[in-house]
Amino acid sequence: MKLTAYTYIGITTVLLFLFVITSAMNFSFGWIFYTSIIGQIAIVFMVYKVLIDRYHTNKTFKDFYEDCPVREENYR
């Protein structure tokens, strides 16, 4: 099964929420330290996976936003 970039983003988000929860609930230093290290590694891995993802679109900057089309007028 191929994992998409969104899956890596979700896993990293869950790990970092786990870090926040462990630090807010005064867990032992070992748990907080290891969740922070694993979270930092997950961030680096997530950024790498997002950057090498083979996502392709036909949209350009000329298309702007799909929900707010821009008129092709000269605003001088």
N, C-alpha and C. Protein backbone atom coordinates (compact mmCIF):
# COMPACT_ATOMS: atom_id res chain seq x y z
N MET A 1 0.84 -1.18 0.00
CA MET A 1 0.00 0.00 0.00
C MET A 1 0.89 1.25 0.00
N LYS A 2 0.63 2.13 -0.93
CA LYS A 2 1.41 3.35 -1.02
C LYS A 2 0.78 4.42 -0.12
N LEU A 3 1.59 5.00 0.74
CA LEU A 3 1.11 6.06 1.61
C LEU A 3 1.28 7.39 0.91
N THR A 4 0.25 8.22 0.96
CA THR A 4 0.32 9.53 0.33
C THR A 4 0.97 10.54 1.27
N ALA A 5 1.23 11.72 0.77
CA ALA A 5 1.81 12.78 1.59
C ALA A 5 0.85 13.17 2.70
N TYR A 6 -0.45 13.09 2.44
CA TYR A 6 -1.44 13.44 3.47
C TYR A 6 -1.37 12.47 4.65
N THR A 7 -1.04 11.23 4.40
CA THR A 7 -0.91 10.25 5.47
C THR A 7 0.25 10.62 6.37
N TYR A 8 1.37 11.01 5.79
CA TYR A 8 2.53 11.42 6.59
C TYR A 8 2.23 12.69 7.39
N ILE A 9 1.47 13.60 6.81
CA ILE A 9 1.09 14.81 7.53
C ILE A 9 0.21 14.44 8.72
N GLY A 10 -0.72 13.52 8.53
CA GLY A 10 -1.60 13.09 9.62
C GLY A 10 -0.84 12.39 10.73
N ILE A 11 0.09 11.51 10.38
CA ILE A 11 0.88 10.80 11.38
C ILE A 11 1.73 11.77 12.19
N THR A 12 2.35 12.73 11.51
CA THR A 12 3.17 13.72 12.20
C THR A 12 2.32 14.59 13.12
N THR A 13 1.14 14.96 12.68
CA THR A 13 0.25 15.75 13.51
C THR A 13 -0.14 14.99 14.78
N VAL A 14 -0.47 13.72 14.64
CA VAL A 14 -0.83 12.91 15.80
C VAL A 14 0.35 12.80 16.76
N LEU A 15 1.55 12.59 16.24
CA LEU A 15 2.73 12.50 17.10
C LEU A 15 2.99 13.80 17.86
N LEU A 16 2.80 14.92 17.20
CA LEU A 16 3.05 16.19 17.87
C LEU A 16 1.94 16.52 18.88
N PHE A 17 0.70 16.10 18.60
CA PHE A 17 -0.36 16.25 19.61
C PHE A 17 -0.06 15.36 20.81
N LEU A 18 0.48 14.18 20.57
CA LEU A 18 0.87 13.29 21.66
C LEU A 18 1.95 13.95 22.51
N PHE A 19 2.88 14.63 21.87
CA PHE A 19 3.91 15.37 22.61
C PHE A 19 3.30 16.45 23.48
N VAL A 20 2.36 17.21 22.93
CA VAL A 20 1.71 18.28 23.69
C VAL A 20 0.94 17.70 24.88
N ILE A 21 0.25 16.61 24.66
CA ILE A 21 -0.53 15.99 25.74
C ILE A 21 0.39 15.47 26.84
N THR A 22 1.49 14.80 26.45
CA THR A 22 2.40 14.28 27.47
C THR A 22 3.06 15.39 28.27
N SER A 23 3.37 16.50 27.63
CA SER A 23 3.99 17.59 28.37
C SER A 23 2.98 18.34 29.23
N ALA A 24 1.73 18.43 28.79
CA ALA A 24 0.71 19.14 29.57
C ALA A 24 0.27 18.33 30.78
N MET A 25 0.35 17.01 30.70
CA MET A 25 -0.11 16.16 31.80
C MET A 25 1.02 15.74 32.73
N ASN A 26 2.16 16.39 32.61
CA ASN A 26 3.32 16.15 33.49
C ASN A 26 3.74 14.69 33.51
N PHE A 27 3.87 14.09 32.35
CA PHE A 27 4.42 12.75 32.26
C PHE A 27 5.90 12.82 32.63
N SER A 28 6.51 11.68 32.76
CA SER A 28 7.93 11.67 33.11
C SER A 28 8.75 12.27 31.97
N PHE A 29 9.94 12.73 32.34
CA PHE A 29 10.78 13.39 31.35
C PHE A 29 11.12 12.47 30.19
N GLY A 30 11.27 11.19 30.44
CA GLY A 30 11.60 10.23 29.38
C GLY A 30 10.54 10.19 28.28
N TRP A 31 9.28 10.13 28.67
CA TRP A 31 8.19 10.12 27.68
C TRP A 31 8.17 11.41 26.87
N ILE A 32 8.32 12.53 27.55
CA ILE A 32 8.29 13.82 26.85
C ILE A 32 9.48 13.94 25.91
N PHE A 33 10.65 13.53 26.37
CA PHE A 33 11.86 13.61 25.54
C PHE A 33 11.73 12.74 24.30
N TYR A 34 11.29 11.49 24.47
CA TYR A 34 11.21 10.59 23.33
C TYR A 34 10.10 10.98 22.35
N THR A 35 8.98 11.51 22.85
CA THR A 35 7.94 11.96 21.90
C THR A 35 8.42 13.20 21.13
N SER A 36 9.22 14.05 21.77
CA SER A 36 9.72 15.22 21.05
C SER A 36 10.74 14.80 19.98
N ILE A 37 11.60 13.85 20.30
CA ILE A 37 12.60 13.37 19.32
C ILE A 37 11.90 12.68 18.15
N ILE A 38 10.95 11.81 18.45
CA ILE A 38 10.21 11.11 17.39
C ILE A 38 9.42 12.11 16.55
N GLY A 39 8.85 13.14 17.19
CA GLY A 39 8.12 14.18 16.45
C GLY A 39 9.02 14.97 15.53
N GLN A 40 10.22 15.29 15.98
CA GLN A 40 11.16 16.04 15.14
C GLN A 40 11.62 15.20 13.95
N ILE A 41 11.87 13.93 14.18
CA ILE A 41 12.24 13.04 13.07
C ILE A 41 11.08 12.92 12.09
N ALA A 42 9.86 12.83 12.62
CA ALA A 42 8.68 12.73 11.75
C ALA A 42 8.49 13.98 10.92
N ILE A 43 8.80 15.15 11.47
CA ILE A 43 8.67 16.40 10.70
C ILE A 43 9.65 16.40 9.53
N VAL A 44 10.89 16.02 9.79
CA VAL A 44 11.89 15.98 8.72
C VAL A 44 11.48 14.98 7.64
N PHE A 45 11.03 13.79 8.06
CA PHE A 45 10.59 12.77 7.11
C PHE A 45 9.36 13.24 6.33
N MET A 46 8.41 13.91 7.01
CA MET A 46 7.21 14.41 6.34
C MET A 46 7.57 15.45 5.28
N VAL A 47 8.45 16.38 5.62
CA VAL A 47 8.86 17.40 4.65
C VAL A 47 9.52 16.77 3.44
N TYR A 48 10.37 15.79 3.68
CA TYR A 48 11.02 15.08 2.59
C TYR A 48 9.99 14.39 1.69
N LYS A 49 9.03 13.70 2.28
CA LYS A 49 8.02 12.99 1.49
C LYS A 49 7.11 13.95 0.72
N VAL A 50 6.78 15.09 1.33
CA VAL A 50 5.94 16.07 0.64
C VAL A 50 6.69 16.67 -0.54
N LEU A 51 7.98 16.93 -0.37
CA LEU A 51 8.75 17.55 -1.45
C LEU A 51 9.02 16.61 -2.61
N ILE A 52 9.13 15.31 -2.36
CA ILE A 52 9.39 14.39 -3.47
C ILE A 52 8.11 13.76 -4.02
N ASP A 53 6.95 14.16 -3.49
CA ASP A 53 5.69 13.61 -3.96
C ASP A 53 5.47 13.98 -5.43
N ARG A 54 5.01 13.04 -6.21
CA ARG A 54 4.82 13.26 -7.65
C ARG A 54 3.42 13.79 -7.95
N TYR A 55 3.04 14.86 -7.27
CA TYR A 55 1.74 15.49 -7.49
C TYR A 55 1.84 16.41 -8.69
N HIS A 56 0.87 16.32 -9.58
CA HIS A 56 0.88 17.14 -10.78
C HIS A 56 -0.50 17.76 -10.96
N THR A 57 -0.52 19.01 -11.35
CA THR A 57 -1.77 19.69 -11.62
C THR A 57 -1.63 20.50 -12.90
N ASN A 58 -2.77 20.77 -13.51
CA ASN A 58 -2.78 21.59 -14.72
C ASN A 58 -3.03 23.06 -14.40
N LYS A 59 -3.23 23.38 -13.14
CA LYS A 59 -3.48 24.75 -12.73
C LYS A 59 -2.19 25.56 -12.78
N THR A 60 -2.33 26.83 -13.10
CA THR A 60 -1.20 27.75 -13.10
C THR A 60 -1.56 28.94 -12.24
N PHE A 61 -0.62 29.86 -12.08
CA PHE A 61 -0.92 31.06 -11.31
C PHE A 61 -1.96 31.93 -12.03
N LYS A 62 -2.08 31.75 -13.30
CA LYS A 62 -3.08 32.50 -14.06
C LYS A 62 -4.49 32.06 -13.69
N ASP A 63 -4.66 30.81 -13.25
CA ASP A 63 -5.97 30.31 -12.82
C ASP A 63 -6.40 30.90 -11.48
N PHE A 64 -5.48 31.36 -10.68
CA PHE A 64 -5.70 31.96 -9.37
C PHE A 64 -6.51 31.00 -8.50
N TYR A 65 -7.50 31.48 -7.81
CA TYR A 65 -8.32 30.63 -6.95
C TYR A 65 -9.54 30.14 -7.71
N GLU A 66 -9.92 28.88 -7.47
CA GLU A 66 -11.08 28.34 -8.16
C GLU A 66 -12.38 28.92 -7.61
N ASP A 67 -12.42 29.26 -6.33
CA ASP A 67 -13.65 29.75 -5.74
C ASP A 67 -13.83 31.25 -5.94
N CYS A 68 -12.81 31.94 -6.41
CA CYS A 68 -12.91 33.38 -6.65
C CYS A 68 -12.19 33.72 -7.95
N PRO A 69 -12.86 33.51 -9.07
CA PRO A 69 -12.18 33.76 -10.35
C PRO A 69 -11.80 35.24 -10.52
N VAL A 70 -10.68 35.45 -11.14
CA VAL A 70 -10.18 36.80 -11.37
C VAL A 70 -10.50 37.19 -12.80
N ARG A 71 -11.02 38.40 -12.95
CA ARG A 71 -11.31 38.89 -14.30
C ARG A 71 -10.02 39.28 -14.99
N GLU A 72 -9.99 39.14 -16.27
CA GLU A 72 -8.80 39.44 -17.05
C GLU A 72 -8.84 40.89 -17.52
N GLU A 73 -8.93 41.83 -16.59
CA GLU A 73 -8.97 43.24 -16.94
C GLU A 73 -7.68 43.92 -16.53
N ASN A 74 -7.40 44.99 -17.15
CA ASN A 74 -6.25 45.79 -16.79
C ASN A 74 -6.72 46.80 -15.75
N TYR A 75 -6.12 46.77 -14.56
CA TYR A 75 -6.59 47.62 -13.47
C TYR A 75 -5.79 48.91 -13.34
N ARG A 76 -5.50 49.57 -14.42
CA ARG A 76 -4.76 50.83 -14.36
C ARG A 76 -5.64 52.00 -14.21
